[in-house]
PDB file of N, CA and C in Angstrom:
ATOM      1  N   UNK A   1      -5.200   3.169 -17.912  1.00  0.00           N
ATOM      2  CA  UNK A   1      -5.317   2.352 -16.715  1.00  0.00           C
ATOM      3  C   UNK A   1      -4.391   2.894 -15.937  1.00  0.00           C
ATOM      4  N   UNK A   2      -4.623   2.834 -14.538  1.00  0.00           N
ATOM      5  CA  UNK A   2      -4.099   3.078 -13.263  1.00  0.00           C
ATOM      6  C   UNK A   2      -2.837   2.146 -12.717  1.00  0.00           C
ATOM      7  N   UNK A   3      -1.617   2.677 -12.402  1.00  0.00           N
ATOM      8  CA  UNK A   3      -0.262   1.855 -11.804  1.00  0.00           C
ATOM      9  C   UNK A   3      -0.316   2.000 -10.298  1.00  0.00           C
ATOM     10  N   UNK A   4      -1.355   2.703  -9.799  1.00  0.00           N
ATOM     11  CA  UNK A   4      -1.308   2.516  -8.232  1.00  0.00           C
ATOM     12  C   UNK A   4      -0.973   1.504  -7.879  1.00  0.00           C
ATOM     13  N   UNK A   5      -1.808   0.369  -7.782  1.00  0.00           N
ATOM     14  CA  UNK A   5      -1.347  -0.933  -7.362  1.00  0.00           C
ATOM     15  C   UNK A   5      -0.134  -1.475  -7.073  1.00  0.00           C
ATOM     16  N   UNK A   6       0.522  -1.159  -8.294  1.00  0.00           N
ATOM     17  CA  UNK A   6       1.840  -1.737  -8.488  1.00  0.00           C
ATOM     18  C   UNK A   6       2.881  -0.550  -8.120  1.00  0.00           C
ATOM     19  N   UNK A   7       2.968   0.822  -7.653  1.00  0.00           N
ATOM     20  CA  UNK A   7       3.653   1.668  -7.363  1.00  0.00           C
ATOM     21  C   UNK A   7       3.478   1.260  -5.482  1.00  0.00           C
ATOM     22  N   UNK A   8       1.785   0.812  -4.841  1.00  0.00           N
ATOM     23  CA  UNK A   8       1.997   0.723  -3.792  1.00  0.00           C
ATOM     24  C   UNK A   8       3.142  -0.904  -3.269  1.00  0.00           C
ATOM     25  N   UNK A   9       3.045  -1.761  -4.423  1.00  0.00           N
ATOM     26  CA  UNK A   9       3.320  -2.830  -4.148  1.00  0.00           C
ATOM     27  C   UNK A   9       5.426  -2.645  -4.193  1.00  0.00           C
ATOM     28  N   UNK A  10       5.538  -1.892  -4.747  1.00  0.00           N
ATOM     29  CA  UNK A  10       7.125  -1.670  -5.151  1.00  0.00           C
ATOM     30  C   UNK A  10       7.227  -0.991  -4.059  1.00  0.00           C
ATOM     31  N   UNK A  11       6.784   0.180  -3.450  1.00  0.00           N
ATOM     32  CA  UNK A  11       7.026   0.596  -2.271  1.00  0.00           C
ATOM     33  C   UNK A  11       6.803   0.334  -0.886  1.00  0.00           C
ATOM     34  N   UNK A  12       5.947  -0.502  -1.175  1.00  0.00           N
ATOM     35  CA  UNK A  12       5.563  -1.168   0.229  1.00  0.00           C
ATOM     36  C   UNK A  12       6.623  -2.121   0.364  1.00  0.00           C
ATOM     37  N   UNK A  13       6.904  -2.951  -0.530  1.00  0.00           N
ATOM     38  CA  UNK A  13       8.266  -3.948  -0.349  1.00  0.00           C
ATOM     39  C   UNK A  13       9.205  -3.775  -0.249  1.00  0.00           C
ATOM     40  N   UNK A  14       9.511  -2.105  -0.005  1.00  0.00           N
ATOM     41  CA  UNK A  14      10.841  -2.032   0.670  1.00  0.00           C
ATOM     42  C   UNK A  14      10.784  -1.153   2.092  1.00  0.00           C
ATOM     43  N   UNK A  15       9.566  -0.535   2.352  1.00  0.00           N
ATOM     44  CA  UNK A  15       9.667   0.324   3.416  1.00  0.00           C
ATOM     45  C   UNK A  15       9.108  -1.040   4.938  1.00  0.00           C
ATOM     46  N   UNK A  16       9.578  -0.622   5.791  1.00  0.00           N
ATOM     47  CA  UNK A  16       8.924  -1.536   7.138  1.00  0.00           C
ATOM     48  C   UNK A  16       7.305  -1.178   7.915  1.00  0.00           C
ATOM     49  N   UNK A  17       7.170  -0.376   7.723  1.00  0.00           N
ATOM     50  CA  UNK A  17       5.354   0.476   7.802  1.00  0.00           C
ATOM     51  C   UNK A  17       4.585   0.702   6.994  1.00  0.00           C
ATOM     52  N   UNK A  18       4.318  -0.545   5.616  1.00  0.00           N
ATOM     53  CA  UNK A  18       3.341  -0.277   4.640  1.00  0.00           C
ATOM     54  C   UNK A  18       2.269   0.441   5.064  1.00  0.00           C
ATOM     55  N   UNK A  19       1.791   0.001   6.551  1.00  0.00           N
ATOM     56  CA  UNK A  19       0.370   0.384   6.542  1.00  0.00           C
ATOM     57  C   UNK A  19      -0.108   2.033   6.757  1.00  0.00           C
ATOM     58  N   UNK A  20       1.421   2.913   6.809  1.00  0.00           N
ATOM     59  CA  UNK A  20       1.320   4.185   7.243  1.00  0.00           C
ATOM     60  C   UNK A  20       1.515   4.443   5.896  1.00  0.00           C
ATOM     61  N   UNK A  21       1.709   4.079   4.683  1.00  0.00           N
ATOM     62  CA  UNK A  21       1.839   4.693   3.472  1.00  0.00           C
ATOM     63  C   UNK A  21       1.003   5.393   3.070  1.00  0.00           C
ATOM     64  N   UNK A  22       0.797   6.429   2.226  1.00  0.00           N
ATOM     65  CA  UNK A  22      -0.145   7.212   1.886  1.00  0.00           C
ATOM     66  C   UNK A  22       0.621   7.476   0.325  1.00  0.00           C
ATOM     67  N   UNK A  23      -0.518   6.921  -0.921  1.00  0.00           N
ATOM     68  CA  UNK A  23      -0.035   7.801  -2.285  1.00  0.00           C
ATOM     69  C   UNK A  23      -1.151   8.539  -2.778  1.00  0.00           C
ATOM     70  N   UNK A  24      -0.825   9.329  -3.709  1.00  0.00           N
ATOM     71  CA  UNK A  24      -1.989  10.423  -4.266  1.00  0.00           C
ATOM     72  C   UNK A  24      -1.511  10.129  -5.717  1.00  0.00           C
ATOM     73  N   UNK A  25      -2.025   9.766  -6.398  1.00  0.00           N
ATOM     74  CA  UNK A  25      -2.394   9.604  -7.887  1.00  0.00           C
ATOM     75  C   UNK A  25      -3.022  11.395  -8.542  1.00  0.00           C
ATOM     76  N   UNK A  26      -2.091  11.986  -9.386  1.00  0.00           N
ATOM     77  CA  UNK A  26      -3.025  13.079 -10.128  1.00  0.00           C
ATOM     78  C   UNK A  26      -2.475  12.551 -11.640  1.00  0.00           C
ATOM     79  N   UNK A  27      -3.406  12.481 -12.158  1.00  0.00           N
ATOM     80  CA  UNK A  27      -3.569  12.483 -13.728  1.00  0.00           C
ATOM     81  C   UNK A  27      -3.673  13.408 -14.340  1.00  0.00           C
ATOM     82  N   UNK A  28      -2.857  14.169 -15.465  1.00  0.00           N
ATOM     83  CA  UNK A  28      -3.261  15.226 -16.428  1.00  0.00           C
ATOM     84  C   UNK A  28      -2.778  14.671 -17.703  1.00  0.00           C
ATOM     85  N   UNK A  29      -3.677  14.585 -18.823  1.00  0.00           N
ATOM     86  CA  UNK A  29      -2.978  14.312 -20.059  1.00  0.00           C
ATOM     87  C   UNK A  29      -2.826  12.795 -20.164  1.00  0.00           C
ATOM     88  N   UNK A  30      -1.802  12.659 -20.598  1.00  0.00           N
ATOM     89  CA  UNK A  30      -0.579  11.840 -20.601  1.00  0.00           C
ATOM     90  C   UNK A  30       0.051  11.387 -19.764  1.00  0.00           C
ATOM     91  N   UNK A  31       0.196  12.266 -18.657  1.00  0.00           N
ATOM     92  CA  UNK A  31       1.059  12.036 -17.753  1.00  0.00           C
ATOM     93  C   UNK A  31       0.368  11.789 -16.564  1.00  0.00           C
ATOM     94  N   UNK A  32       0.960  10.997 -15.299  1.00  0.00           N
ATOM     95  CA  UNK A  32       0.733  10.526 -14.266  1.00  0.00           C
ATOM     96  C   UNK A  32       1.853  10.838 -13.368  1.00  0.00           C
ATOM     97  N   UNK A  33       1.492  11.578 -12.131  1.00  0.00           N
ATOM     98  CA  UNK A  33       2.405  11.743 -10.879  1.00  0.00           C
ATOM     99  C   UNK A  33       1.922  10.927  -9.870  1.00  0.00           C
ATOM    100  N   UNK A  34       2.515   9.880  -9.169  1.00  0.00           N
ATOM    101  CA  UNK A  34       2.499   9.161  -7.811  1.00  0.00           C
ATOM    102  C   UNK A  34       3.209  10.176  -6.741  1.00  0.00           C
ATOM    103  N   UNK A  35       2.654  10.682  -5.829  1.00  0.00           N
ATOM    104  CA  UNK A  35       2.994  11.528  -4.659  1.00  0.00           C
ATOM    105  C   UNK A  35       3.168  10.572  -3.376  1.00  0.00           C
ATOM    106  N   UNK A  36       4.175  10.050  -2.800  1.00  0.00           N
ATOM    107  CA  UNK A  36       4.527   9.060  -2.024  1.00  0.00           C
ATOM    108  C   UNK A  36       4.696   9.201  -0.313  1.00  0.00           C
ATOM    109  N   UNK A  37       3.752   9.570   0.339  1.00  0.00           N
ATOM    110  CA  UNK A  37       4.448   9.772   1.253  1.00  0.00           C
ATOM    111  C   UNK A  37       4.246   8.654   2.513  1.00  0.00           C
ATOM    112  N   UNK A  38       5.414   8.366   3.344  1.00  0.00           N
ATOM    113  CA  UNK A  38       5.719   7.290   4.093  1.00  0.00           C
ATOM    114  C   UNK A  38       6.502   7.691   5.286  1.00  0.00           C
ATOM    115  N   UNK A  39       6.137   7.290   6.672  1.00  0.00           N
ATOM    116  CA  UNK A  39       6.973   7.651   7.705  1.00  0.00           C
ATOM    117  C   UNK A  39       8.317   7.979   7.603  1.00  0.00           C
ATOM    118  N   UNK A  40       8.316   8.734   8.474  1.00  0.00           N
ATOM    119  CA  UNK A  40       9.908   9.969   8.572  1.00  0.00           C
ATOM    120  C   UNK A  40      10.748   8.329   8.832  1.00  0.00           C
ATOM    121  N   UNK A  41      10.666   7.374   9.507  1.00  0.00           N
ATOM    122  CA  UNK A  41      11.669   5.972   9.616  1.00  0.00           C
ATOM    123  C   UNK A  41      11.785   5.453   8.419  1.00  0.00           C
ATOM    124  N   UNK A  42      10.733   5.604   7.452  1.00  0.00           N
ATOM    125  CA  UNK A  42      11.067   4.424   5.876  1.00  0.00           C
ATOM    126  C   UNK A  42      11.283   6.004   5.118  1.00  0.00           C
ATOM    127  N   UNK A  43      11.754   6.980   5.461  1.00  0.00           N
ATOM    128  CA  UNK A  43      12.110   7.706   4.051  1.00  0.00           C
ATOM    129  C   UNK A  43      13.349   7.667   3.717  1.00  0.00           C
ATOM    130  N   UNK A  44      14.393   7.338   4.617  1.00  0.00           N
ATOM    131  CA  UNK A  44      15.826   6.705   4.186  1.00  0.00           C
ATOM    132  C   UNK A  44      15.978   5.141   3.308  1.00  0.00           C
ATOM    133  N   UNK A  45      14.928   4.575   3.565  1.00  0.00           N
ATOM    134  CA  UNK A  45      14.901   3.494   2.993  1.00  0.00           C
ATOM    135  C   UNK A  45      14.506   3.496   1.962  1.00  0.00           C
ATOM    136  N   UNK A  46      13.430   3.997   1.676  1.00  0.00           N
ATOM    137  CA  UNK A  46      12.726   4.489   0.250  1.00  0.00           C
ATOM    138  C   UNK A  46      13.894   5.178  -0.796  1.00  0.00           C
ATOM    139  N   UNK A  47      14.776   6.040  -0.194  1.00  0.00           N
ATOM    140  CA  UNK A  47      15.420   6.549  -1.048  1.00  0.00           C
ATOM    141  C   UNK A  47      16.653   5.646  -1.561  1.00  0.00           C
ATOM    142  N   UNK A  48      17.543   5.508  -0.363  1.00  0.00           N
ATOM    143  CA  UNK A  48      18.518   4.110  -0.553  1.00  0.00           C
ATOM    144  C   UNK A  48      19.788   5.303  -0.776  1.00  0.00           C
ATOM    145  N   UNK A  49      20.792   4.381  -0.673  1.00  0.00           N
ATOM    146  CA  UNK A  49      22.103   4.985  -1.051  1.00  0.00           C
ATOM    147  C   UNK A  49      22.330   5.672  -2.082  1.00  0.00           C
ATOM    148  N   UNK A  50      22.381   6.860  -2.067  1.00  0.00           N
ATOM    149  CA  UNK A  50      23.152   7.722  -3.397  1.00  0.00           C
ATOM    150  C   UNK A  50      21.840   7.721  -4.232  1.00  0.00           C
ATOM    151  N   UNK A  51      20.598   7.794  -3.763  1.00  0.00           N
ATOM    152  CA  UNK A  51      18.880   8.002  -4.824  1.00  0.00           C
ATOM    153  C   UNK A  51      18.759   6.623  -4.827  1.00  0.00           C
ATOM    154  N   UNK A  52      19.534   5.294  -5.135  1.00  0.00           N
ATOM    155  CA  UNK A  52      19.692   4.062  -6.084  1.00  0.00           C
ATOM    156  C   UNK A  52      17.970   3.213  -6.088  1.00  0.00           C
ATOM    157  N   UNK A  53      17.674   3.138  -4.646  1.00  0.00           N
ATOM    158  CA  UNK A  53      15.986   2.775  -4.398  1.00  0.00           C
ATOM    159  C   UNK A  53      15.179   3.439  -5.256  1.00  0.00           C
ATOM    160  N   UNK A  54      14.662   4.938  -5.101  1.00  0.00           N
ATOM    161  CA  UNK A  54      13.841   5.607  -5.576  1.00  0.00           C
ATOM    162  C   UNK A  54      14.263   5.513  -7.067  1.00  0.00           C
ATOM    163  N   UNK A  55      15.490   5.663  -7.500  1.00  0.00           N
ATOM    164  CA  UNK A  55      15.582   5.620  -8.863  1.00  0.00           C
ATOM    165  C   UNK A  55      15.639   4.646  -9.737  1.00  0.00           C
ATOM    166  N   UNK A  56      15.796   3.246  -8.769  1.00  0.00           N
ATOM    167  CA  UNK A  56      15.056   2.248  -9.903  1.00  0.00           C
ATOM    168  C   UNK A  56      13.445   2.412  -9.711  1.00  0.00           C
ATOM    169  N   UNK A  57      12.795   2.424  -8.491  1.00  0.00           N
ATOM    170  CA  UNK A  57      11.146   2.161  -8.599  1.00  0.00           C
ATOM    171  C   UNK A  57      10.960   3.285  -9.962  1.00  0.00           C
ATOM    172  N   UNK A  58      11.311   4.766 -10.102  1.00  0.00           N
ATOM    173  CA  UNK A  58      11.019   5.297 -10.832  1.00  0.00           C
ATOM    174  C   UNK A  58      11.073   4.876 -12.201  1.00  0.00           C
ATOM    175  N   UNK A  59      12.452   4.249 -12.867  1.00  0.00           N
ATOM    176  CA  UNK A  59      12.369   3.495 -13.764  1.00  0.00           C
ATOM    177  C   UNK A  59      11.718   2.638 -14.188  1.00  0.00           C
ATOM    178  N   UNK A  60      11.242   1.786 -13.456  1.00  0.00           N
ATOM    179  CA  UNK A  60      10.419   0.366 -13.381  1.00  0.00           C
ATOM    180  C   UNK A  60       8.948   1.195 -13.893  1.00  0.00           C
ATOM    181  N   UNK A  61       7.968   2.362 -12.781  1.00  0.00           N
ATOM    182  CA  UNK A  61       7.138   2.564 -13.198  1.00  0.00           C
ATOM    183  C   UNK A  61       7.196   3.347 -14.572  1.00  0.00           C
ATOM    184  N   UNK A  62       8.074   3.980 -14.923  1.00  0.00           N
ATOM    185  CA  UNK A  62       8.190   4.468 -16.194  1.00  0.00           C
ATOM    186  C   UNK A  62       8.102   4.084 -17.405  1.00  0.00           C
ATOM    187  N   UNK A  63       8.571   2.753 -17.473  1.00  0.00           N
ATOM    188  CA  UNK A  63       8.504   1.686 -18.693  1.00  0.00           C
ATOM    189  C   UNK A  63       7.567   1.348 -18.528  1.00  0.00           C
ATOM    190  N   UNK A  64       6.803   0.464 -17.416  1.00  0.00           N
ATOM    191  CA  UNK A  64       5.328   0.542 -17.295  1.00  0.00           C
ATOM    192  C   UNK A  64       4.419   1.456 -18.276  1.00  0.00           C
ATOM    193  N   UNK A  65       4.204   2.638 -17.978  1.00  0.00           N
ATOM    194  CA  UNK A  65       4.110   3.564 -18.437  1.00  0.00           C
ATOM    195  C   UNK A  65       3.913   3.986 -19.910  1.00  0.00           C
ATOM    196  N   UNK A  66       5.308   3.428 -20.121  1.00  0.00           N
ATOM    197  CA  UNK A  66       5.785   3.756 -21.887  1.00  0.00           C
ATOM    198  C   UNK A  66       4.926   2.959 -22.500  1.00  0.00           C
ATOM    199  N   UNK A  67       4.923   1.699 -21.836  1.00  0.00           N
ATOM    200  CA  UNK A  67       3.900   0.835 -22.387  1.00  0.00           C
ATOM    201  C   UNK A  67       2.755   1.498 -23.071  1.00  0.00           C
ATOM    202  N   UNK A  68       1.940   2.151 -22.237  1.00  0.00           N
ATOM    203  CA  UNK A  68       0.704   2.752 -22.387  1.00  0.00           C
ATOM    204  C   UNK A  68       0.432   4.082 -23.437  1.00  0.00           C
ATOM    205  N   UNK A  69       1.856   4.377 -23.723  1.00  0.00           N
ATOM    206  CA  UNK A  69       2.522   5.616 -24.122  1.00  0.00           C
ATOM    207  C   UNK A  69       2.083   6.894 -23.035  1.00  0.00           C
ATOM    208  N   UNK A  70       2.365   6.714 -22.046  1.00  0.00           N
ATOM    209  CA  UNK A  70       2.277   7.939 -20.865  1.00  0.00           C
ATOM    210  C   UNK A  70       3.188   7.752 -20.503  1.00  0.00           C
ATOM    211  N   UNK A  71       3.452   8.942 -19.733  1.00  0.00           N
ATOM    212  CA  UNK A  71       4.721   9.210 -18.595  1.00  0.00           C
ATOM    213  C   UNK A  71       4.301   9.145 -17.276  1.00  0.00           C
ATOM    214  N   UNK A  72       5.311   8.644 -16.209  1.00  0.00           N
ATOM    215  CA  UNK A  72       5.093   8.053 -14.765  1.00  0.00           C
ATOM    216  C   UNK A  72       5.985   8.872 -13.770  1.00  0.00           C
ATOM    217  N   UNK A  73       5.485   9.668 -12.972  1.00  0.00           N
ATOM    218  CA  UNK A  73       6.766  10.018 -12.106  1.00  0.00           C
ATOM    219  C   UNK A  73       6.401   9.911 -10.798  1.00  0.00           C
ATOM    220  N   UNK A  74       7.311   9.232  -9.866  1.00  0.00           N
ATOM    221  CA  UNK A  74       6.985   8.847  -8.813  1.00  0.00           C
ATOM    222  C   UNK A  74       8.242  10.177  -7.585  1.00  0.00           C
ATOM    223  N   UNK A  75       6.926  10.616  -6.652  1.00  0.00           N
ATOM    224  CA  UNK A  75       7.821  11.923  -6.064  1.00  0.00           C
ATOM    225  C   UNK A  75       7.377  11.187  -4.749  1.00  0.00           C
ATOM    226  N   UNK A  76       8.588  11.740  -3.743  1.00  0.00           N
ATOM    227  CA  UNK A  76       8.347  11.103  -2.183  1.00  0.00           C
ATOM    228  C   UNK A  76       8.098  13.022  -1.601  1.00  0.00           C
ATOM    229  N   UNK A  77       7.374  12.554  -1.126  1.00  0.00           N
ATOM    230  CA  UNK A  77       6.372  13.531  -0.282  1.00  0.00           C
ATOM    231  C   UNK A  77       7.238  13.758   1.502  1.00  0.00           C
ATOM    232  N   UNK A  78       8.137  14.770   1.715  1.00  0.00           N
ATOM    233  CA  UNK A  78       8.438  14.883   3.024  1.00  0.00           C
ATOM    234  C   UNK A  78       7.595  16.328   3.435  1.00  0.00           C
ATOM    235  N   UNK A  79       7.259  16.129   5.188  1.00  0.00           N
ATOM    236  CA  UNK A  79       7.286  17.067   5.534  1.00  0.00           C
ATOM    237  C   UNK A  79       8.187  17.390   6.570  1.00  0.00           C
TER     238      UNK A  79
END
């Protein structure tokens, strides 16, 4: 089961330009990694003060994955 639509919804609800968001999903074994790329103006909103927003997103995605006996990671890709 892919959690990509769920991650897209979570990230898209936080940022101002969800149309510019790109998410790549890498699946190896029982581990999924979501590489999230957003426009430069939205990176700060996605990370949040002290990293609280991205930490919350990571926790929720990790909990959903744990129900399926998998691990999931959310990484923010910056250039």
